[in-house]
């Protein structure tokens, strides 16, 4: 990478397209959840569960179909808990 004036071009964080912007925002969200988890793991799990429920609602109840393995199990538990709350 080169230097432009006083600015190193590696410091420029511009999204090339909407997919890149979405990925950047997802990574930022994941980082924030990690920060919460470091301070309060139970609260972080609550936030993740709420996010799973909201995504499932936004996708018309099909969110779990996009997951497999452990992630699907976590989603199934979160969605089951949401029905009993």
PDB file of N, CA and C in Angstrom:
ATOM      1  N   UNK A   1       0.832  -1.178   0.000  1.00  0.00           N
ATOM      2  CA  UNK A   1       0.000   0.000   0.000  1.00  0.00           C
ATOM      3  C   UNK A   1       0.878   1.242   0.000  1.00  0.00           C
ATOM      4  N   UNK A   2       0.377   2.282  -0.588  1.00  0.00           N
ATOM      5  CA  UNK A   2       1.159   3.502  -0.703  1.00  0.00           C
ATOM      6  C   UNK A   2       0.714   4.552   0.275  1.00  0.00           C
ATOM      7  N   UNK A   3       1.402   5.662   0.220  1.00  0.00           N
ATOM      8  CA  UNK A   3       1.072   6.784   1.080  1.00  0.00           C
ATOM      9  C   UNK A   3       0.620   7.939   0.220  1.00  0.00           C
ATOM     10  N   UNK A   4      -0.475   8.563   0.626  1.00  0.00           N
ATOM     11  CA  UNK A   4      -1.000   9.728  -0.077  1.00  0.00           C
ATOM     12  C   UNK A   4      -0.872  10.893   0.886  1.00  0.00           C
ATOM     13  N   UNK A   5       0.068  11.792   0.619  1.00  0.00           N
ATOM     14  CA  UNK A   5       0.298  12.892   1.547  1.00  0.00           C
ATOM     15  C   UNK A   5       0.637  12.347   2.911  1.00  0.00           C
ATOM     16  N   UNK A   6      -0.109  12.741   3.933  1.00  0.00           N
ATOM     17  CA  UNK A   6       0.096  12.250   5.290  1.00  0.00           C
ATOM     18  C   UNK A   6      -0.772  11.030   5.596  1.00  0.00           C
ATOM     19  N   UNK A   7      -1.596  10.635   4.638  1.00  0.00           N
ATOM     20  CA  UNK A   7      -2.570   9.584   4.860  1.00  0.00           C
ATOM     21  C   UNK A   7      -2.102   8.292   4.217  1.00  0.00           C
ATOM     22  N   UNK A   8      -2.027   7.246   5.007  1.00  0.00           N
ATOM     23  CA  UNK A   8      -1.695   5.926   4.494  1.00  0.00           C
ATOM     24  C   UNK A   8      -2.976   5.348   3.911  1.00  0.00           C
ATOM     25  N   UNK A   9      -2.946   4.877   2.674  1.00  0.00           N
ATOM     26  CA  UNK A   9      -4.187   4.416   2.043  1.00  0.00           C
ATOM     27  C   UNK A   9      -4.776   3.167   2.688  1.00  0.00           C
ATOM     28  N   UNK A  10      -4.064   2.512   3.603  1.00  0.00           N
ATOM     29  CA  UNK A  10      -4.652   1.386   4.330  1.00  0.00           C
ATOM     30  C   UNK A  10      -5.635   1.878   5.384  1.00  0.00           C
ATOM     31  N   UNK A  11      -5.599   3.176   5.706  1.00  0.00           N
ATOM     32  CA  UNK A  11      -6.522   3.756   6.678  1.00  0.00           C
ATOM     33  C   UNK A  11      -7.859   4.116   6.062  1.00  0.00           C
ATOM     34  N   UNK A  12      -7.968   4.068   4.765  1.00  0.00           N
ATOM     35  CA  UNK A  12      -9.199   4.435   4.083  1.00  0.00           C
ATOM     36  C   UNK A  12     -10.105   3.207   4.050  1.00  0.00           C
ATOM     37  N   UNK A  13     -11.276   3.342   4.656  1.00  0.00           N
ATOM     38  CA  UNK A  13     -12.222   2.234   4.743  1.00  0.00           C
ATOM     39  C   UNK A  13     -13.473   2.589   3.951  1.00  0.00           C
ATOM     40  N   UNK A  14     -13.407   2.397   2.648  1.00  0.00           N
ATOM     41  CA  UNK A  14     -14.541   2.688   1.788  1.00  0.00           C
ATOM     42  C   UNK A  14     -15.131   1.391   1.267  1.00  0.00           C
ATOM     43  N   UNK A  15     -16.441   1.300   1.337  1.00  0.00           N
ATOM     44  CA  UNK A  15     -17.098   0.118   0.801  1.00  0.00           C
ATOM     45  C   UNK A  15     -17.095   0.194  -0.721  1.00  0.00           C
ATOM     46  N   UNK A  16     -16.744  -0.910  -1.359  1.00  0.00           N
ATOM     47  CA  UNK A  16     -16.731  -0.954  -2.810  1.00  0.00           C
ATOM     48  C   UNK A  16     -18.153  -1.124  -3.333  1.00  0.00           C
ATOM     49  N   UNK A  17     -18.945  -1.920  -2.662  1.00  0.00           N
ATOM     50  CA  UNK A  17     -20.339  -2.085  -3.047  1.00  0.00           C
ATOM     51  C   UNK A  17     -21.165  -2.369  -1.797  1.00  0.00           C
ATOM     52  N   UNK A  18     -22.464  -2.543  -1.981  1.00  0.00           N
ATOM     53  CA  UNK A  18     -23.344  -2.753  -0.832  1.00  0.00           C
ATOM     54  C   UNK A  18     -23.006  -4.017  -0.064  1.00  0.00           C
ATOM     55  N   UNK A  19     -22.564  -5.061  -0.751  1.00  0.00           N
ATOM     56  CA  UNK A  19     -22.194  -6.304  -0.077  1.00  0.00           C
ATOM     57  C   UNK A  19     -21.022  -6.051   0.872  1.00  0.00           C
ATOM     58  N   UNK A  20     -20.028  -5.308   0.415  1.00  0.00           N
ATOM     59  CA  UNK A  20     -18.888  -4.983   1.272  1.00  0.00           C
ATOM     60  C   UNK A  20     -19.332  -4.162   2.478  1.00  0.00           C
ATOM     61  N   UNK A  21     -20.254  -3.228   2.265  1.00  0.00           N
ATOM     62  CA  UNK A  21     -20.758  -2.410   3.362  1.00  0.00           C
ATOM     63  C   UNK A  21     -21.496  -3.296   4.363  1.00  0.00           C
ATOM     64  N   UNK A  22     -22.304  -4.218   3.875  1.00  0.00           N
ATOM     65  CA  UNK A  22     -23.019  -5.126   4.762  1.00  0.00           C
ATOM     66  C   UNK A  22     -22.069  -5.998   5.562  1.00  0.00           C
ATOM     67  N   UNK A  23     -21.028  -6.479   4.916  1.00  0.00           N
ATOM     68  CA  UNK A  23     -20.036  -7.306   5.611  1.00  0.00           C
ATOM     69  C   UNK A  23     -19.307  -6.496   6.672  1.00  0.00           C
ATOM     70  N   UNK A  24     -18.949  -5.257   6.349  1.00  0.00           N
ATOM     71  CA  UNK A  24     -18.271  -4.393   7.313  1.00  0.00           C
ATOM     72  C   UNK A  24     -19.161  -4.150   8.529  1.00  0.00           C
ATOM     73  N   UNK A  25     -20.441  -3.900   8.285  1.00  0.00           N
ATOM     74  CA  UNK A  25     -21.365  -3.643   9.393  1.00  0.00           C
ATOM     75  C   UNK A  25     -21.572  -4.900  10.234  1.00  0.00           C
ATOM     76  N   UNK A  26     -21.621  -6.075   9.601  1.00  0.00           N
ATOM     77  CA  UNK A  26     -21.764  -7.332  10.333  1.00  0.00           C
ATOM     78  C   UNK A  26     -20.550  -7.578  11.218  1.00  0.00           C
ATOM     79  N   UNK A  27     -19.367  -7.304  10.697  1.00  0.00           N
ATOM     80  CA  UNK A  27     -18.144  -7.476  11.491  1.00  0.00           C
ATOM     81  C   UNK A  27     -18.116  -6.511  12.668  1.00  0.00           C
ATOM     82  N   UNK A  28     -18.595  -5.296  12.442  1.00  0.00           N
ATOM     83  CA  UNK A  28     -18.661  -4.311  13.521  1.00  0.00           C
ATOM     84  C   UNK A  28     -19.640  -4.767  14.604  1.00  0.00           C
ATOM     85  N   UNK A  29     -20.788  -5.302  14.200  1.00  0.00           N
ATOM     86  CA  UNK A  29     -21.760  -5.813  15.156  1.00  0.00           C
ATOM     87  C   UNK A  29     -21.181  -6.977  15.957  1.00  0.00           C
ATOM     88  N   UNK A  30     -20.512  -7.898  15.274  1.00  0.00           N
ATOM     89  CA  UNK A  30     -19.896  -9.034  15.956  1.00  0.00           C
ATOM     90  C   UNK A  30     -18.862  -8.561  16.969  1.00  0.00           C
ATOM     91  N   UNK A  31     -18.091  -7.561  16.610  1.00  0.00           N
ATOM     92  CA  UNK A  31     -17.090  -7.029  17.536  1.00  0.00           C
ATOM     93  C   UNK A  31     -17.756  -6.407  18.763  1.00  0.00           C
ATOM     94  N   UNK A  32     -18.844  -5.690  18.553  1.00  0.00           N
ATOM     95  CA  UNK A  32     -19.547  -5.086  19.689  1.00  0.00           C
ATOM     96  C   UNK A  32     -20.119  -6.158  20.614  1.00  0.00           C
ATOM     97  N   UNK A  33     -20.650  -7.226  20.031  1.00  0.00           N
ATOM     98  CA  UNK A  33     -21.179  -8.321  20.857  1.00  0.00           C
ATOM     99  C   UNK A  33     -20.045  -8.959  21.655  1.00  0.00           C
ATOM    100  N   UNK A  34     -18.869  -9.113  21.048  1.00  0.00           N
ATOM    101  CA  UNK A  34     -17.716  -9.654  21.776  1.00  0.00           C
ATOM    102  C   UNK A  34     -17.344  -8.766  22.953  1.00  0.00           C
ATOM    103  N   UNK A  35     -17.392  -7.457  22.756  1.00  0.00           N
ATOM    104  CA  UNK A  35     -17.073  -6.529  23.843  1.00  0.00           C
ATOM    105  C   UNK A  35     -18.061  -6.670  24.987  1.00  0.00           C
ATOM    106  N   UNK A  36     -19.342  -6.787  24.660  1.00  0.00           N
ATOM    107  CA  UNK A  36     -20.358  -6.992  25.692  1.00  0.00           C
ATOM    108  C   UNK A  36     -20.111  -8.324  26.393  1.00  0.00           C
ATOM    109  N   UNK A  37     -19.802  -9.367  25.624  1.00  0.00           N
ATOM    110  CA  UNK A  37     -19.573 -10.701  26.194  1.00  0.00           C
ATOM    111  C   UNK A  37     -18.413 -10.698  27.176  1.00  0.00           C
ATOM    112  N   UNK A  38     -17.402  -9.896  26.895  1.00  0.00           N
ATOM    113  CA  UNK A  38     -16.254  -9.829  27.805  1.00  0.00           C
ATOM    114  C   UNK A  38     -16.666  -9.250  29.158  1.00  0.00           C
ATOM    115  N   UNK A  39     -17.615  -8.337  29.144  1.00  0.00           N
ATOM    116  CA  UNK A  39     -18.070  -7.694  30.373  1.00  0.00           C
ATOM    117  C   UNK A  39     -19.225  -8.443  31.038  1.00  0.00           C
ATOM    118  N   UNK A  40     -20.155  -8.961  30.206  1.00  0.00           N
ATOM    119  CA  UNK A  40     -21.373  -9.567  30.738  1.00  0.00           C
ATOM    120  C   UNK A  40     -21.855 -10.657  29.773  1.00  0.00           C
ATOM    121  N   UNK A  41     -21.325 -11.876  29.916  1.00  0.00           N
ATOM    122  CA  UNK A  41     -21.681 -12.953  28.990  1.00  0.00           C
ATOM    123  C   UNK A  41     -23.182 -13.244  28.911  1.00  0.00           C
ATOM    124  N   UNK A  42     -23.879 -13.164  30.030  1.00  0.00           N
ATOM    125  CA  UNK A  42     -25.317 -13.438  30.019  1.00  0.00           C
ATOM    126  C   UNK A  42     -26.061 -12.400  29.181  1.00  0.00           C
ATOM    127  N   UNK A  43     -25.687 -11.146  29.314  1.00  0.00           N
ATOM    128  CA  UNK A  43     -26.330 -10.076  28.527  1.00  0.00           C
ATOM    129  C   UNK A  43     -26.016 -10.251  27.048  1.00  0.00           C
ATOM    130  N   UNK A  44     -24.794 -10.633  26.733  1.00  0.00           N
ATOM    131  CA  UNK A  44     -24.427 -10.860  25.333  1.00  0.00           C
ATOM    132  C   UNK A  44     -25.280 -11.975  24.747  1.00  0.00           C
ATOM    133  N   UNK A  45     -25.518 -13.052  25.510  1.00  0.00           N
ATOM    134  CA  UNK A  45     -26.361 -14.147  25.016  1.00  0.00           C
ATOM    135  C   UNK A  45     -27.784 -13.666  24.793  1.00  0.00           C
ATOM    136  N   UNK A  46     -28.287 -12.829  25.693  1.00  0.00           N
ATOM    137  CA  UNK A  46     -29.629 -12.258  25.515  1.00  0.00           C
ATOM    138  C   UNK A  46     -29.706 -11.465  24.211  1.00  0.00           C
ATOM    139  N   UNK A  47     -28.685 -10.660  23.949  1.00  0.00           N
ATOM    140  CA  UNK A  47     -28.661  -9.855  22.728  1.00  0.00           C
ATOM    141  C   UNK A  47     -28.624 -10.735  21.481  1.00  0.00           C
ATOM    142  N   UNK A  48     -27.808 -11.783  21.530  1.00  0.00           N
ATOM    143  CA  UNK A  48     -27.726 -12.705  20.390  1.00  0.00           C
ATOM    144  C   UNK A  48     -29.074 -13.390  20.179  1.00  0.00           C
ATOM    145  N   UNK A  49     -29.701 -13.834  21.264  1.00  0.00           N
ATOM    146  CA  UNK A  49     -31.005 -14.476  21.154  1.00  0.00           C
ATOM    147  C   UNK A  49     -32.035 -13.517  20.548  1.00  0.00           C
ATOM    148  N   UNK A  50     -32.030 -12.259  20.995  1.00  0.00           N
ATOM    149  CA  UNK A  50     -32.960 -11.266  20.452  1.00  0.00           C
ATOM    150  C   UNK A  50     -32.696 -11.027  18.965  1.00  0.00           C
ATOM    151  N   UNK A  51     -31.436 -11.011  18.595  1.00  0.00           N
ATOM    152  CA  UNK A  51     -31.071 -10.826  17.189  1.00  0.00           C
ATOM    153  C   UNK A  51     -31.563 -12.001  16.347  1.00  0.00           C
ATOM    154  N   UNK A  52     -31.403 -13.212  16.855  1.00  0.00           N
ATOM    155  CA  UNK A  52     -31.860 -14.403  16.138  1.00  0.00           C
ATOM    156  C   UNK A  52     -33.371 -14.337  15.931  1.00  0.00           C
ATOM    157  N   UNK A  53     -34.101 -13.983  16.970  1.00  0.00           N
ATOM    158  CA  UNK A  53     -35.560 -13.898  16.865  1.00  0.00           C
ATOM    159  C   UNK A  53     -35.954 -12.824  15.843  1.00  0.00           C
ATOM    160  N   UNK A  54     -35.300 -11.678  15.895  1.00  0.00           N
ATOM    161  CA  UNK A  54     -35.620 -10.599  14.949  1.00  0.00           C
ATOM    162  C   UNK A  54     -35.304 -11.009  13.512  1.00  0.00           C
ATOM    163  N   UNK A  55     -34.179 -11.679  13.307  1.00  0.00           N
ATOM    164  CA  UNK A  55     -33.834 -12.137  11.955  1.00  0.00           C
ATOM    165  C   UNK A  55     -34.831 -13.177  11.461  1.00  0.00           C
ATOM    166  N   UNK A  56     -35.264 -14.059  12.352  1.00  0.00           N
ATOM    167  CA  UNK A  56     -36.237 -15.070  11.971  1.00  0.00           C
ATOM    168  C   UNK A  56     -37.553 -14.412  11.561  1.00  0.00           C
ATOM    169  N   UNK A  57     -37.971 -13.409  12.305  1.00  0.00           N
ATOM    170  CA  UNK A  57     -39.201 -12.693  11.963  1.00  0.00           C
ATOM    171  C   UNK A  57     -39.055 -11.966  10.625  1.00  0.00           C
ATOM    172  N   UNK A  58     -37.909 -11.336  10.429  1.00  0.00           N
ATOM    173  CA  UNK A  58     -37.675 -10.591   9.185  1.00  0.00           C
ATOM    174  C   UNK A  58     -37.657 -11.516   7.968  1.00  0.00           C
ATOM    175  N   UNK A  59     -37.240 -12.758   8.181  1.00  0.00           N
ATOM    176  CA  UNK A  59     -37.153 -13.711   7.078  1.00  0.00           C
ATOM    177  C   UNK A  59     -38.373 -14.635   7.025  1.00  0.00           C
ATOM    178  N   UNK A  60     -39.444 -14.230   7.678  1.00  0.00           N
ATOM    179  CA  UNK A  60     -40.678 -14.991   7.617  1.00  0.00           C
ATOM    180  C   UNK A  60     -40.593 -16.372   8.241  1.00  0.00           C
ATOM    181  N   UNK A  61     -39.778 -16.505   9.283  1.00  0.00           N
ATOM    182  CA  UNK A  61     -39.663 -17.771   9.990  1.00  0.00           C
ATOM    183  C   UNK A  61     -38.708 -18.767   9.353  1.00  0.00           C
ATOM    184  N   UNK A  62     -37.853 -18.289   8.453  1.00  0.00           N
ATOM    185  CA  UNK A  62     -36.947 -19.214   7.745  1.00  0.00           C
ATOM    186  C   UNK A  62     -35.478 -19.031   8.098  1.00  0.00           C
ATOM    187  N   UNK A  63     -35.180 -18.227   9.109  1.00  0.00           N
ATOM    188  CA  UNK A  63     -33.776 -17.949   9.427  1.00  0.00           C
ATOM    189  C   UNK A  63     -32.985 -19.220   9.692  1.00  0.00           C
ATOM    190  N   UNK A  64     -33.534 -20.129  10.468  1.00  0.00           N
ATOM    191  CA  UNK A  64     -32.817 -21.357  10.831  1.00  0.00           C
ATOM    192  C   UNK A  64     -32.438 -22.191   9.616  1.00  0.00           C
ATOM    193  N   UNK A  65     -33.198 -22.063   8.535  1.00  0.00           N
ATOM    194  CA  UNK A  65     -32.905 -22.818   7.319  1.00  0.00           C
ATOM    195  C   UNK A  65     -31.586 -22.391   6.667  1.00  0.00           C
ATOM    196  N   UNK A  66     -31.101 -21.209   7.041  1.00  0.00           N
ATOM    197  CA  UNK A  66     -29.849 -20.688   6.491  1.00  0.00           C
ATOM    198  C   UNK A  66     -28.642 -21.101   7.327  1.00  0.00           C
ATOM    199  N   UNK A  67     -28.889 -21.850   8.398  1.00  0.00           N
ATOM    200  CA  UNK A  67     -27.827 -22.234   9.327  1.00  0.00           C
ATOM    201  C   UNK A  67     -27.642 -23.744   9.336  1.00  0.00           C
ATOM    202  N   UNK A  68     -26.488 -24.170   9.828  1.00  0.00           N
ATOM    203  CA  UNK A  68     -26.263 -25.595  10.030  1.00  0.00           C
ATOM    204  C   UNK A  68     -25.402 -25.801  11.261  1.00  0.00           C
ATOM    205  N   UNK A  69     -25.292 -27.030  11.682  1.00  0.00           N
ATOM    206  CA  UNK A  69     -24.430 -27.373  12.806  1.00  0.00           C
ATOM    207  C   UNK A  69     -24.809 -26.666  14.091  1.00  0.00           C
ATOM    208  N   UNK A  70     -23.784 -26.230  14.811  1.00  0.00           N
ATOM    209  CA  UNK A  70     -23.971 -25.595  16.113  1.00  0.00           C
ATOM    210  C   UNK A  70     -24.790 -24.312  16.018  1.00  0.00           C
ATOM    211  N   UNK A  71     -24.586 -23.551  14.947  1.00  0.00           N
ATOM    212  CA  UNK A  71     -25.331 -22.293  14.788  1.00  0.00           C
ATOM    213  C   UNK A  71     -26.830 -22.558  14.704  1.00  0.00           C
ATOM    214  N   UNK A  72     -27.196 -23.626  14.004  1.00  0.00           N
ATOM    215  CA  UNK A  72     -28.617 -23.962  13.893  1.00  0.00           C
ATOM    216  C   UNK A  72     -29.167 -24.368  15.257  1.00  0.00           C
ATOM    217  N   UNK A  73     -28.388 -25.106  16.033  1.00  0.00           N
ATOM    218  CA  UNK A  73     -28.817 -25.500  17.370  1.00  0.00           C
ATOM    219  C   UNK A  73     -29.042 -24.298  18.275  1.00  0.00           C
ATOM    220  N   UNK A  74     -28.139 -23.333  18.207  1.00  0.00           N
ATOM    221  CA  UNK A  74     -28.276 -22.107  19.001  1.00  0.00           C
ATOM    222  C   UNK A  74     -29.539 -21.364  18.586  1.00  0.00           C
ATOM    223  N   UNK A  75     -29.776 -21.261  17.286  1.00  0.00           N
ATOM    224  CA  UNK A  75     -30.966 -20.575  16.789  1.00  0.00           C
ATOM    225  C   UNK A  75     -32.235 -21.302  17.227  1.00  0.00           C
ATOM    226  N   UNK A  76     -32.229 -22.619  17.141  1.00  0.00           N
ATOM    227  CA  UNK A  76     -33.405 -23.402  17.557  1.00  0.00           C
ATOM    228  C   UNK A  76     -33.726 -23.138  19.028  1.00  0.00           C
ATOM    229  N   UNK A  77     -32.705 -23.127  19.880  1.00  0.00           N
ATOM    230  CA  UNK A  77     -32.926 -22.881  21.315  1.00  0.00           C
ATOM    231  C   UNK A  77     -33.463 -21.461  21.547  1.00  0.00           C
ATOM    232  N   UNK A  78     -32.874 -20.481  20.868  1.00  0.00           N
ATOM    233  CA  UNK A  78     -33.312 -19.098  21.039  1.00  0.00           C
ATOM    234  C   UNK A  78     -34.753 -18.928  20.582  1.00  0.00           C
ATOM    235  N   UNK A  79     -35.084 -19.533  19.475  1.00  0.00           N
ATOM    236  CA  UNK A  79     -36.449 -19.415  18.965  1.00  0.00           C
ATOM    237  C   UNK A  79     -37.446 -20.151  19.851  1.00  0.00           C
ATOM    238  N   UNK A  80     -37.060 -21.287  20.385  1.00  0.00           N
ATOM    239  CA  UNK A  80     -37.937 -22.021  21.304  1.00  0.00           C
ATOM    240  C   UNK A  80     -38.175 -21.204  22.572  1.00  0.00           C
ATOM    241  N   UNK A  81     -37.122 -20.587  23.104  1.00  0.00           N
ATOM    242  CA  UNK A  81     -37.257 -19.758  24.312  1.00  0.00           C
ATOM    243  C   UNK A  81     -38.164 -18.567  24.052  1.00  0.00           C
ATOM    244  N   UNK A  82     -38.082 -18.014  22.837  1.00  0.00           N
ATOM    245  CA  UNK A  82     -38.894 -16.835  22.526  1.00  0.00           C
ATOM    246  C   UNK A  82     -40.381 -17.174  22.521  1.00  0.00           C
ATOM    247  N   UNK A  83     -40.706 -18.419  22.203  1.00  0.00           N
ATOM    248  CA  UNK A  83     -42.111 -18.838  22.187  1.00  0.00           C
ATOM    249  C   UNK A  83     -42.666 -19.024  23.591  1.00  0.00           C
ATOM    250  N   UNK A  84     -41.800 -19.311  24.553  1.00  0.00           N
ATOM    251  CA  UNK A  84     -42.243 -19.524  25.934  1.00  0.00           C
ATOM    252  C   UNK A  84     -42.193 -18.261  26.771  1.00  0.00           C
ATOM    253  N   UNK A  85     -41.635 -17.189  26.223  1.00  0.00           N
ATOM    254  CA  UNK A  85     -41.516 -15.938  26.992  1.00  0.00           C
ATOM    255  C   UNK A  85     -42.741 -15.076  26.839  1.00  0.00           C
TER     256      UNK A  85
END
